[in-house]
């Protein structure tokens, strides 16, 4: 077709050239007289017959080329407007990128030009770039998906067509790539796969928009618990669920995290008539922002098991305490010579047994206290008492400890009465623990100081020893149950590992705070701060809520 059209155009140009030549000859012959009238028209006619077809052909070619260039330019403009385009040289270095490429990746042109395109591929197995290179070097077009690492560390997924570029001599000099962003499709597929996995989980899972406070997703277990299986895939406002116990706490926690910027919150509450552990986490994956994932674990079985274990420990402890008290009393009578004089060896053995019976009584009492704390049954008998007098009483009660470990105790600051509304027996229990620990861990011949500071509405009491200090690796577990420190040496110094955890529960239960300061090789100071009076209207946040901020 194209050959026939070319032949037709050629004949047409020749005919036009011949006609033009004849017309010029006739006109010039009439205008030029004499011999020149024969020569000039003939020569001119021959030139016109020869050149006009060539000119007409060139003119037609120019018009065709201009039309093709215009069409090509329009196609490139459309591509540039709607695709992510880049051009690389034979070494895969970027030589040109369009605005869409810059916007999509977050890099500036200066950061892109001259860098190998392969450096931006998120290709874990390293096969993507070589496969593209092999295809282009064979003169073929490569089509596929390319993950590109953006400046902010995220991944841009693109469906890509890469076409090789050749020079006039047919040498491969680079390639041009046109890309379409398919990241959102990837995220939708990932979300679908994630939803399928979450639907199989036994815990309740909600995905909540932090602005609208509406659940955009609930897994099958959560929907079944709420009786909403028919609303799978629908957006469910949390306000519609507020009649259920525990939902108001979830809403309040999400709003608090939104205002403070916290990334995680955990608490325990009753939900749908059962005890639940609730974990609220801020989601940061993908492009969707402002969402919380709420994971709800039913603790019914765990609570029941813990209750059974607690009841068993309580029963055993009570059953042990009565006979142990009798055994300890009998040994005390023997040591007081109520049954007559005993050999020195027998006295020594009785003293060992008596001390260990004391230790067993302390362990049983600590276990019973822990059981009360765990069950929320720790009771406080608040009275207006003189804290200074309690401190002096504690110091006198620990005289034996001072002699045993060869330390002295000094009281600083308690020069006059400091009246405080608290439980005196529980505070003496805390003071006894602080002071006995200080005596045990201080160096022989050193001084243990009790520091009392009246702070107006509150009072601070600290017990400072001159021991080895607490190693850094042990400091995080100081107030844990049965905490075993590197330098505790319970066999020689006694103790159950429960005292400080009980002290913490007592002080916090009385509205105070507890803590410690330590320097290895110098010593440790344990302290507590108590309010002098209980606030009449006091809102105390549940102590089982833990909030954490990410550092990443």
Protein backbone atom coordinates (compact mmCIF):
# COMPACT_ATOMS: atom_id res chain seq x y z
CA UNK A 1 0.00 0.00 0.00
CA UNK A 2 2.73 2.38 1.06
CA UNK A 3 4.73 1.48 -2.19
CA UNK A 4 1.77 2.16 -4.48
CA UNK A 5 1.11 5.48 -2.73
CA UNK A 6 4.77 6.45 -3.14
CA UNK A 7 4.73 5.59 -6.87
CA UNK A 8 1.53 7.61 -7.37
CA UNK A 9 3.01 10.62 -5.61
CA UNK A 10 6.19 10.32 -7.72
CA UNK A 11 4.25 10.21 -11.04
CA UNK A 12 2.12 13.11 -9.85
CA UNK A 13 5.22 15.19 -9.07
CA UNK A 14 6.75 14.37 -12.49
CA UNK A 15 3.51 15.33 -14.25
CA UNK A 16 3.38 18.57 -12.31
CA UNK A 17 7.03 19.21 -13.17
CA UNK A 18 6.41 18.57 -16.89
CA UNK A 19 3.32 20.76 -16.92
CA UNK A 20 5.15 23.51 -15.14
CA UNK A 21 8.05 23.30 -17.60
CA UNK A 22 5.75 23.57 -20.66
CA UNK A 23 3.87 26.48 -19.17
CA UNK A 24 7.14 28.32 -18.38
CA UNK A 25 8.46 27.64 -21.95
CA UNK A 26 5.35 29.07 -23.59
CA UNK A 27 5.25 32.14 -21.40
CA UNK A 28 8.95 32.96 -21.62
CA UNK A 29 9.03 32.33 -25.42
CA UNK A 30 6.40 34.98 -25.91
CA UNK A 31 8.15 37.49 -23.67
CA UNK A 32 11.80 37.09 -24.82
CA UNK A 33 12.47 38.16 -28.44
CA UNK A 34 15.30 37.09 -30.71
CA UNK A 35 17.67 34.16 -30.45
CA UNK A 36 17.59 34.28 -26.64
CA UNK A 37 13.89 33.59 -26.85
CA UNK A 38 14.73 30.11 -28.10
CA UNK A 39 17.54 29.24 -25.66
CA UNK A 40 16.45 30.64 -22.29
CA UNK A 41 12.89 29.25 -22.27
CA UNK A 42 14.14 25.81 -23.28
CA UNK A 43 16.89 25.73 -20.62
CA UNK A 44 14.53 27.01 -17.95
CA UNK A 45 11.88 24.49 -18.91
CA UNK A 46 14.39 21.65 -18.60
CA UNK A 47 15.49 22.89 -15.11
CA UNK A 48 11.92 23.26 -13.91
CA UNK A 49 11.01 19.79 -15.20
CA UNK A 50 13.95 18.35 -13.27
CA UNK A 51 13.79 20.36 -9.97
CA UNK A 52 10.08 20.82 -9.35
CA UNK A 53 9.32 17.12 -8.70
CA UNK A 54 12.25 17.03 -6.24
CA UNK A 55 11.06 20.17 -4.45
CA UNK A 56 7.51 18.92 -4.29
CA UNK A 57 8.73 15.59 -2.90
CA UNK A 58 10.84 17.32 -0.24
CA UNK A 59 7.99 19.62 0.65
CA UNK A 60 5.64 16.67 1.05
CA UNK A 61 8.24 14.83 3.19
CA UNK A 62 8.69 17.89 5.39
CA UNK A 63 4.96 18.15 5.92
CA UNK A 64 4.73 14.44 6.76
CA UNK A 65 7.69 14.63 9.19
CA UNK A 66 6.21 17.70 10.88
CA UNK A 67 2.92 15.88 11.30
CA UNK A 68 4.62 12.79 12.73
CA UNK A 69 6.75 14.89 15.10
CA UNK A 70 3.64 16.71 16.32
CA UNK A 71 1.88 13.40 16.99
CA UNK A 72 4.95 11.98 18.77
CA UNK A 73 5.29 15.11 20.90
CA UNK A 74 1.63 14.93 21.87
CA UNK A 75 2.04 11.29 22.86
CA UNK A 76 5.09 12.12 24.99
CA UNK A 77 3.18 14.96 26.69
CA UNK A 78 0.32 12.59 27.56
CA UNK A 79 2.79 10.02 28.92
CA UNK A 80 4.63 12.68 30.92
CA UNK A 81 1.37 13.98 32.40
CA UNK A 82 0.07 10.63 33.59
CA UNK A 83 3.09 8.37 34.26
CA UNK A 84 6.30 8.27 36.26
CA UNK A 85 9.02 8.55 33.62
CA UNK A 86 12.80 8.24 33.79
CA UNK A 87 15.63 7.86 31.29
CA UNK A 88 18.92 6.08 32.03
CA UNK A 89 22.16 5.71 30.09
CA UNK A 90 23.87 2.43 29.18
CA UNK A 91 25.35 2.29 32.72
CA UNK A 92 21.83 2.56 34.22
CA UNK A 93 22.61 6.07 35.54
CA UNK A 94 19.62 8.38 35.62
CA UNK A 95 19.91 11.18 33.07
CA UNK A 96 16.33 12.47 33.15
CA UNK A 97 13.31 12.17 35.45
CA UNK A 98 9.93 13.84 35.17
CA UNK A 99 8.09 15.72 37.92
CA UNK A 100 5.99 12.67 38.81
CA UNK A 101 9.14 10.68 39.54
CA UNK A 102 10.46 13.40 41.84
CA UNK A 103 7.13 13.75 43.66
CA UNK A 104 6.53 10.02 44.05
CA UNK A 105 9.99 9.18 45.44
CA UNK A 106 10.58 12.32 47.52
CA UNK A 107 14.07 12.89 46.14
CA UNK A 108 15.21 16.07 44.41
CA UNK A 109 16.55 15.95 40.85
CA UNK A 110 20.05 16.64 42.14
CA UNK A 111 19.78 13.56 44.37
CA UNK A 112 18.63 11.40 41.45
CA UNK A 113 20.61 12.44 38.36
CA UNK A 114 23.82 10.45 37.94
CA UNK A 115 22.78 7.70 40.39
CA UNK A 116 22.20 4.14 39.14
CA UNK A 117 18.52 3.29 38.98
CA UNK A 118 19.41 -0.12 40.37
CA UNK A 119 20.38 1.52 43.68
CA UNK A 120 16.74 2.51 44.24
CA UNK A 121 15.26 -0.95 43.76
CA UNK A 122 14.06 -2.72 46.94
CA UNK A 123 15.21 -6.09 45.64
CA UNK A 124 16.00 -8.55 48.43
CA UNK A 125 17.17 -11.44 46.21
CA UNK A 126 19.07 -9.14 43.80
CA UNK A 127 17.49 -10.63 40.65
CA UNK A 128 15.39 -7.69 39.44
CA UNK A 129 18.11 -5.45 37.97
CA UNK A 130 19.98 -8.30 36.16
CA UNK A 131 16.74 -9.59 34.60
CA UNK A 132 15.89 -6.11 33.27
CA UNK A 133 19.44 -5.72 31.89
CA UNK A 134 19.35 -9.11 30.11
CA UNK A 135 16.03 -8.28 28.47
CA UNK A 136 17.13 -4.84 27.21
CA UNK A 137 20.52 -6.06 25.97
CA UNK A 138 18.64 -8.60 23.83
CA UNK A 139 16.68 -5.72 22.26
CA UNK A 140 13.44 -6.60 24.01
CA UNK A 141 10.99 -4.54 26.07
CA UNK A 142 10.78 -5.44 29.77
CA UNK A 143 7.40 -5.29 31.55
CA UNK A 144 6.91 -6.06 35.22
CA UNK A 145 6.67 -4.72 38.77
CA UNK A 146 9.45 -2.72 40.42
CA UNK A 147 9.61 -1.79 44.13
CA UNK A 148 11.44 1.55 44.54
CA UNK A 149 12.91 2.78 47.83
CA UNK A 150 11.67 6.33 48.54
CA UNK A 151 13.56 8.98 50.46
CA UNK A 152 11.44 8.49 53.62
CA UNK A 153 12.24 4.77 53.66
CA UNK A 154 8.86 3.64 52.35
CA UNK A 155 8.45 1.49 49.25
CA UNK A 156 6.84 2.70 46.02
CA UNK A 157 5.45 -0.23 44.00
CA UNK A 158 5.21 0.49 40.25
CA UNK A 159 4.03 -1.41 37.20
CA UNK A 160 6.81 -0.63 34.74
CA UNK A 161 7.53 -0.77 30.99
CA UNK A 162 11.22 -0.36 30.06
CA UNK A 163 12.10 0.22 26.39
CA UNK A 164 15.70 0.27 25.07
CA UNK A 165 17.05 3.42 23.31
CA UNK A 166 19.41 3.23 20.30
CA UNK A 167 21.54 5.84 18.48
CA UNK A 168 21.51 6.41 14.69
CA UNK A 169 24.04 3.62 14.24
CA UNK A 170 21.86 1.14 16.09
CA UNK A 171 23.94 1.07 19.29
CA UNK A 172 22.12 0.56 22.61
CA UNK A 173 22.68 3.76 24.61
CA UNK A 174 20.15 3.44 27.45
CA UNK A 175 16.47 2.99 28.18
CA UNK A 176 13.30 4.87 28.97
CA UNK A 177 10.88 3.65 31.67
CA UNK A 178 7.22 4.49 32.12
CA UNK A 179 5.80 3.54 35.54
CA UNK A 180 2.35 3.42 37.11
CA UNK A 181 2.01 3.66 40.91
CA UNK A 182 0.35 0.46 42.24
CA UNK A 183 1.30 0.96 45.93
CA UNK A 184 -2.31 1.38 47.02
CA UNK A 185 -3.22 -1.90 45.33
CA UNK A 186 -0.40 -3.59 47.22
CA UNK A 187 -1.65 -2.17 50.51
CA UNK A 188 -5.21 -3.29 49.79
CA UNK A 189 -4.00 -6.81 49.04
CA UNK A 190 -1.85 -6.78 52.19
CA UNK A 191 -4.83 -5.54 54.21
CA UNK A 192 -6.97 -8.33 52.78
CA UNK A 193 -4.35 -10.95 53.68
CA UNK A 194 -3.96 -9.42 57.16
CA UNK A 195 -7.71 -9.45 57.67
CA UNK A 196 -7.83 -13.13 56.73
CA UNK A 197 -5.16 -13.91 59.33
CA UNK A 198 -6.83 -11.76 62.02
CA UNK A 199 -10.18 -13.43 61.36
CA UNK A 200 -8.62 -16.72 62.46
CA UNK A 201 -7.28 -15.33 65.75
CA UNK A 202 -9.01 -16.17 69.02
CA UNK A 203 -8.63 -12.67 70.49
CA UNK A 204 -10.94 -9.79 69.63
CA UNK A 205 -9.34 -7.28 67.22
CA UNK A 206 -10.66 -3.83 66.32
CA UNK A 207 -9.18 -1.28 63.90
CA UNK A 208 -10.39 2.16 64.95
CA UNK A 209 -10.06 5.53 63.20
CA UNK A 210 -8.74 7.94 65.82
CA UNK A 211 -10.59 10.95 64.38
CA UNK A 212 -14.06 9.46 63.94
CA UNK A 213 -13.77 6.92 66.80
CA UNK A 214 -15.35 4.32 64.53
CA UNK A 215 -14.23 0.72 63.94
CA UNK A 216 -13.44 0.18 60.27
CA UNK A 217 -12.67 -3.48 60.94
CA UNK A 218 -13.55 -6.13 63.53
CA UNK A 219 -12.49 -9.74 63.23
CA UNK A 220 -14.99 -12.58 63.32
CA UNK A 221 -14.53 -13.28 67.05
CA UNK A 222 -15.17 -9.63 67.96
CA UNK A 223 -18.24 -9.38 65.74
CA UNK A 224 -19.60 -12.64 67.18
CA UNK A 225 -19.11 -11.46 70.77
CA UNK A 226 -21.01 -8.25 69.99
CA UNK A 227 -23.71 -10.02 67.97
CA UNK A 228 -22.76 -8.07 64.86
CA UNK A 229 -21.76 -10.83 62.41
CA UNK A 230 -24.24 -9.39 59.93
CA UNK A 231 -22.30 -6.10 59.87
CA UNK A 232 -18.96 -7.51 58.71
CA UNK A 233 -17.21 -4.92 56.54
CA UNK A 234 -19.30 -2.03 57.83
CA UNK A 235 -18.00 0.97 59.78
CA UNK A 236 -19.23 0.74 63.38
CA UNK A 237 -19.13 3.91 65.55
CA UNK A 238 -17.87 3.11 69.04
CA UNK A 239 -20.52 5.47 70.42
CA UNK A 240 -23.09 2.82 69.38
CA UNK A 241 -21.37 0.33 71.72
CA UNK A 242 -21.09 2.53 74.81
CA UNK A 243 -23.82 0.60 76.60
CA UNK A 244 -21.35 -2.29 76.84
CA UNK A 245 -19.09 -2.22 79.90
CA UNK A 246 -15.48 -1.39 79.06
CA UNK A 247 -16.10 0.43 75.76
CA UNK A 248 -16.05 3.85 77.44
CA UNK A 249 -12.57 3.02 78.82
CA UNK A 250 -11.40 2.08 75.31
CA UNK A 251 -12.74 5.35 73.85
CA UNK A 252 -11.15 7.39 76.66
CA UNK A 253 -7.79 5.64 76.15
CA UNK A 254 -7.83 6.25 72.38
CA UNK A 255 -8.63 9.93 72.87
CA UNK A 256 -5.91 10.26 75.48
CA UNK A 257 -3.35 8.63 73.16
CA UNK A 258 -4.45 10.92 70.33
CA UNK A 259 -3.86 14.02 72.46
CA UNK A 260 -0.60 12.90 74.10
CA UNK A 261 0.97 11.14 71.10
CA UNK A 262 1.46 7.88 73.04
CA UNK A 263 1.90 4.79 70.89
CA UNK A 264 0.71 2.08 73.26
CA UNK A 265 -1.63 1.68 76.21
CA UNK A 266 -2.58 -1.41 78.19
CA UNK A 267 -5.17 -1.93 80.87
CA UNK A 268 -7.50 -4.52 82.34
CA UNK A 269 -11.23 -4.03 82.53
CA UNK A 270 -14.53 -5.90 82.45
CA UNK A 271 -15.97 -6.23 78.94
CA UNK A 272 -19.20 -8.04 78.09
CA UNK A 273 -19.29 -9.40 81.63
CA UNK A 274 -15.80 -10.94 81.53
CA UNK A 275 -12.31 -9.73 82.57
CA UNK A 276 -10.27 -8.60 79.56
CA UNK A 277 -6.73 -7.39 78.99
CA UNK A 278 -6.93 -4.50 76.50
CA UNK A 279 -3.94 -3.40 74.40
CA UNK A 280 -4.27 -0.28 72.21
CA UNK A 281 -1.52 0.29 69.63
CA UNK A 282 -1.09 3.13 67.16
CA UNK A 283 -0.67 1.82 63.60
CA UNK A 284 2.06 3.39 61.45
CA UNK A 285 2.33 0.91 58.58
CA UNK A 286 1.45 2.04 55.06
CA UNK A 287 -0.02 5.34 53.99
CA UNK A 288 -3.16 5.30 56.15
CA UNK A 289 -2.63 7.34 59.32
CA UNK A 290 -4.55 7.89 62.51
CA UNK A 291 -5.62 4.34 63.27
CA UNK A 292 -5.48 2.27 66.43
CA UNK A 293 -5.41 -1.52 66.62
CA UNK A 294 -7.18 -2.73 69.74
CA UNK A 295 -6.34 -6.26 70.87
CA UNK A 296 -8.68 -7.71 73.51
CA UNK A 297 -7.70 -10.91 75.34
CA UNK A 298 -10.25 -12.74 77.48
CA UNK A 299 -8.63 -13.35 80.90
CA UNK A 300 -11.45 -15.46 82.38
CA UNK A 301 -9.46 -18.69 82.44
CA UNK A 302 -6.32 -16.99 83.70
CA UNK A 303 -8.19 -15.18 86.46
CA UNK A 304 -9.87 -18.44 87.51
CA UNK A 305 -6.54 -20.26 87.59
CA UNK A 306 -4.92 -17.46 89.57
CA UNK A 307 -7.82 -17.46 92.01
CA UNK A 308 -7.45 -21.21 92.55
CA UNK A 309 -3.72 -20.85 93.04
CA UNK A 310 -4.21 -17.93 95.42
CA UNK A 311 -6.79 -19.85 97.44
CA UNK A 312 -4.47 -22.84 97.66
CA UNK A 313 -1.50 -20.70 98.81
CA UNK A 314 -3.69 -18.90 101.34
CA UNK A 315 -5.03 -22.16 102.76
CA UNK A 316 -1.60 -23.77 102.98
CA UNK A 317 -0.07 -20.65 104.54
CA UNK A 318 -2.77 -20.44 107.20
CA UNK A 319 -2.43 -24.14 107.95
CA UNK A 320 1.35 -23.81 108.27
CA UNK A 321 1.33 -20.70 110.44
CA UNK A 322 -0.48 -22.23 113.42
CA UNK A 323 1.83 -25.24 114.00
CA UNK A 324 4.88 -23.15 113.16
CA UNK A 325 3.93 -20.63 115.83
CA UNK A 326 3.70 -23.45 118.35
CA UNK A 327 7.08 -24.84 117.27
CA UNK A 328 8.70 -21.41 117.51
CA UNK A 329 7.16 -20.85 120.97
CA UNK A 330 8.41 -24.17 122.26
CA UNK A 331 11.93 -23.47 121.06
CA UNK A 332 11.76 -20.04 122.68
CA UNK A 333 10.86 -21.64 126.02
CA UNK A 334 13.77 -24.05 125.74
CA UNK A 335 16.15 -21.20 124.97
CA UNK A 336 14.86 -19.30 128.02
CA UNK A 337 15.82 -22.31 130.18
CA UNK A 338 12.18 -23.05 131.08
CA UNK A 339 13.06 -26.76 130.98
CA UNK A 340 16.36 -26.32 132.76
CA UNK A 341 19.91 -25.83 131.61
CA UNK A 342 20.94 -27.22 128.23
CA UNK A 343 24.36 -28.15 126.85
CA UNK A 344 26.01 -25.38 124.83
CA UNK A 345 25.85 -27.47 121.66
CA UNK A 346 22.11 -27.96 122.10
CA UNK A 347 21.60 -24.24 122.71
CA UNK A 348 23.50 -23.45 119.50
CA UNK A 349 21.35 -25.83 117.48
CA UNK A 350 18.16 -24.45 119.04
CA UNK A 351 19.21 -20.89 118.18
CA UNK A 352 19.67 -21.90 114.52
CA UNK A 353 16.26 -23.58 114.48
CA UNK A 354 14.64 -20.61 116.20
CA UNK A 355 16.08 -18.11 113.68
CA UNK A 356 14.90 -20.24 110.76
CA UNK A 357 11.45 -20.58 112.28
CA UNK A 358 11.36 -16.76 112.43
CA UNK A 359 12.29 -16.71 108.76
CA UNK A 360 9.52 -19.17 107.92
CA UNK A 361 6.97 -17.05 109.79
CA UNK A 362 8.11 -14.00 107.83
CA UNK A 363 7.81 -15.89 104.53
CA UNK A 364 4.29 -17.07 105.39
CA UNK A 365 3.25 -13.55 106.44
CA UNK A 366 4.68 -12.11 103.23
CA UNK A 367 2.86 -14.69 101.12
CA UNK A 368 -0.40 -13.90 102.89
CA UNK A 369 0.17 -10.18 102.33
CA UNK A 370 0.84 -10.78 98.64
CA UNK A 371 -2.32 -12.83 98.38
CA UNK A 372 -4.29 -9.97 99.92
CA UNK A 373 -2.70 -7.44 97.57
CA UNK A 374 -3.36 -9.58 94.47
CA UNK A 375 -6.98 -10.11 95.50
CA UNK A 376 -7.44 -6.43 96.34
CA UNK A 377 -8.21 -7.30 99.94
CA UNK A 378 -5.37 -5.36 101.59
CA UNK A 379 -7.06 -3.29 104.28
CA UNK A 380 -5.65 -0.14 105.89
CA UNK A 381 -6.41 1.14 109.37
CA UNK A 382 -5.80 4.87 108.95
CA UNK A 383 -5.08 6.90 112.05
CA UNK A 384 -3.55 10.28 112.89
CA UNK A 385 -0.12 9.24 114.16
CA UNK A 386 3.28 10.81 114.85
CA UNK A 387 5.64 9.60 112.15
CA UNK A 388 8.70 10.59 114.19
CA UNK A 389 7.61 8.29 117.00
CA UNK A 390 7.10 5.40 114.55
CA UNK A 391 10.61 5.89 113.16
CA UNK A 392 12.13 5.86 116.64
CA UNK A 393 10.14 2.73 117.51
CA UNK A 394 11.44 1.01 114.37
CA UNK A 395 15.03 1.96 115.19
CA UNK A 396 14.70 0.43 118.69
CA UNK A 397 13.08 -2.73 117.32
CA UNK A 398 16.06 -3.29 115.01
CA UNK A 399 18.71 -3.01 117.75
CA UNK A 400 19.48 -6.72 117.38
CA UNK A 401 20.07 -6.25 113.63
CA UNK A 402 22.45 -3.40 114.37
CA UNK A 403 24.46 -5.58 116.74
CA UNK A 404 24.44 -8.59 114.42
CA UNK A 405 25.81 -6.67 111.43
CA UNK A 406 27.96 -4.21 113.44
CA UNK A 407 26.34 -1.00 112.18
CA UNK A 408 25.01 2.16 113.83
CA UNK A 409 21.72 3.89 113.01
CA UNK A 410 21.29 7.66 113.05
CA UNK A 411 18.03 9.61 112.61
CA UNK A 412 18.25 13.01 110.91
CA UNK A 413 15.42 15.52 110.58
CA UNK A 414 12.77 14.10 112.87
CA UNK A 415 13.31 16.62 115.66
CA UNK A 416 9.63 17.12 116.47
CA UNK A 417 6.27 15.43 115.91
CA UNK A 418 5.16 15.02 112.28
CA UNK A 419 1.47 14.13 112.26
CA UNK A 420 0.22 12.07 109.36
CA UNK A 421 -2.98 10.20 108.54
CA UNK A 422 -1.90 6.67 107.64
CA UNK A 423 -1.84 3.03 108.76
CA UNK A 424 0.88 2.91 111.47
CA UNK A 425 1.33 -0.87 111.40
CA UNK A 426 1.83 -0.94 107.63
CA UNK A 427 4.25 2.00 107.70
CA UNK A 428 6.27 0.32 110.46
CA UNK A 429 6.32 -2.79 108.23
CA UNK A 430 7.84 -0.70 105.41
CA UNK A 431 10.33 1.00 107.77
CA UNK A 432 11.38 -2.37 109.22
CA UNK A 433 12.04 -3.69 105.72
CA UNK A 434 14.09 -0.63 104.70
CA UNK A 435 16.10 -0.60 107.92
CA UNK A 436 16.78 -4.34 108.11
CA UNK A 437 17.95 -4.35 104.46
CA UNK A 438 20.22 -1.38 105.15
CA UNK A 439 21.78 -3.13 108.15
CA UNK A 440 22.30 -6.35 106.18
CA UNK A 441 23.98 -4.76 103.19
CA UNK A 442 26.08 -2.05 104.90
CA UNK A 443 29.75 -2.62 105.58
CA UNK A 444 30.61 -3.55 109.19
CA UNK A 445 31.39 -0.45 111.25
CA UNK A 446 29.44 1.87 108.90
CA UNK A 447 26.45 4.06 109.67
CA UNK A 448 22.89 3.69 108.41
CA UNK A 449 21.01 7.01 108.27
CA UNK A 450 17.26 7.56 108.47
CA UNK A 451 16.48 10.92 106.83
CA UNK A 452 13.12 12.59 107.54
CA UNK A 453 12.02 15.60 105.47
CA UNK A 454 8.83 17.52 106.14
CA UNK A 455 7.65 18.80 102.71
CA UNK A 456 4.53 20.64 103.85
CA UNK A 457 1.61 18.60 102.54
CA UNK A 458 3.73 15.45 102.44
CA UNK A 459 6.67 13.85 104.21
CA UNK A 460 9.67 12.01 102.78
CA UNK A 461 11.45 9.24 104.69
CA UNK A 462 14.70 7.76 103.36
CA UNK A 463 17.00 5.04 104.66
CA UNK A 464 20.57 5.34 103.40
CA UNK A 465 23.11 2.53 103.70
CA UNK A 466 26.85 2.33 103.01
CA UNK A 467 26.86 -0.93 101.10
CA UNK A 468 27.98 -2.06 97.66
CA UNK A 469 25.08 -0.47 95.82
CA UNK A 470 22.77 -2.22 93.34
CA UNK A 471 24.25 -3.35 90.00
CA UNK A 472 22.72 -1.68 86.97
CA UNK A 473 21.53 -5.00 85.55
CA UNK A 474 19.52 -5.68 88.73
CA UNK A 475 17.95 -2.26 89.25
CA UNK A 476 14.92 -2.88 87.02
CA UNK A 477 13.73 -5.81 89.17
CA UNK A 478 14.11 -4.24 92.64
CA UNK A 479 10.36 -4.16 93.32
CA UNK A 480 9.56 -7.48 91.63
CA UNK A 481 8.42 -10.51 93.59
CA UNK A 482 11.16 -12.94 94.58
CA UNK A 483 13.73 -10.59 93.03
CA UNK A 484 17.14 -12.26 93.32
CA UNK A 485 19.96 -9.72 93.24
CA UNK A 486 23.53 -10.54 92.40
CA UNK A 487 24.73 -9.50 95.89
CA UNK A 488 21.62 -10.49 97.92
CA UNK A 489 23.13 -13.64 99.50
CA UNK A 490 19.87 -14.69 101.16
CA UNK A 491 21.37 -17.77 102.77
CA UNK A 492 23.51 -15.68 105.12
CA UNK A 493 21.50 -12.44 105.31
CA UNK A 494 17.96 -13.79 105.24
CA UNK A 495 14.97 -12.38 103.42
CA UNK A 496 12.29 -13.75 101.12
CA UNK A 497 12.63 -11.52 98.09
CA UNK A 498 9.06 -10.36 98.68
CA UNK A 499 9.57 -7.47 101.11
CA UNK A 500 10.16 -4.63 98.67
CA UNK A 501 7.29 -5.64 96.37
CA UNK A 502 5.01 -5.63 99.42
CA UNK A 503 6.41 -2.25 100.52
CA UNK A 504 5.61 -0.82 97.11
CA UNK A 505 2.02 -2.07 97.27
CA UNK A 506 1.57 -0.68 100.79
CA UNK A 507 2.99 2.78 100.04
CA UNK A 508 1.03 3.15 96.79
CA UNK A 509 -2.10 1.84 98.53
CA UNK A 510 -1.71 4.64 101.08
CA UNK A 511 -1.48 7.22 98.27
CA UNK A 512 2.31 7.63 98.31
CA UNK A 513 5.28 6.97 96.06
CA UNK A 514 8.33 4.77 96.56
CA UNK A 515 11.74 4.62 94.95
CA UNK A 516 15.48 4.26 95.38
CA UNK A 517 18.78 5.89 94.46
CA UNK A 518 21.98 3.87 94.21
CA UNK A 519 25.63 4.17 93.27
CA UNK A 520 27.72 1.04 92.91
CA UNK A 521 30.49 0.94 95.50
CA UNK A 522 28.95 3.78 97.54
CA UNK A 523 25.53 2.65 98.75
CA UNK A 524 21.77 2.79 98.26
CA UNK A 525 18.96 5.00 99.53
CA UNK A 526 15.39 3.69 99.65
CA UNK A 527 12.67 6.26 100.24
CA UNK A 528 8.93 6.80 100.29
CA UNK A 529 6.81 9.96 100.18
CA UNK A 530 3.39 10.00 101.85
CA UNK A 531 0.69 12.69 101.91
CA UNK A 532 -0.06 13.92 105.41
CA UNK A 533 -3.79 13.83 104.80
CA UNK A 534 -5.96 11.84 102.39
CA UNK A 535 -7.51 14.07 99.73
CA UNK A 536 -11.28 14.25 100.17
CA UNK A 537 -11.99 14.33 96.45
CA UNK A 538 -9.31 12.47 94.65
CA UNK A 539 -9.52 10.84 91.24
CA UNK A 540 -7.01 8.03 91.04
CA UNK A 541 -6.38 6.48 87.65
CA UNK A 542 -6.43 2.67 87.62
CA UNK A 543 -2.98 1.44 88.57
CA UNK A 544 -3.16 -1.31 85.98
CA UNK A 545 -2.95 1.10 83.03
CA UNK A 546 0.48 1.25 81.46
CA UNK A 547 1.26 3.77 78.72
CA UNK A 548 4.42 3.74 76.63
CA UNK A 549 5.90 6.06 74.01
CA UNK A 550 7.98 4.62 71.10
CA UNK A 551 11.54 5.88 70.63
CA UNK A 552 11.94 4.89 67.13
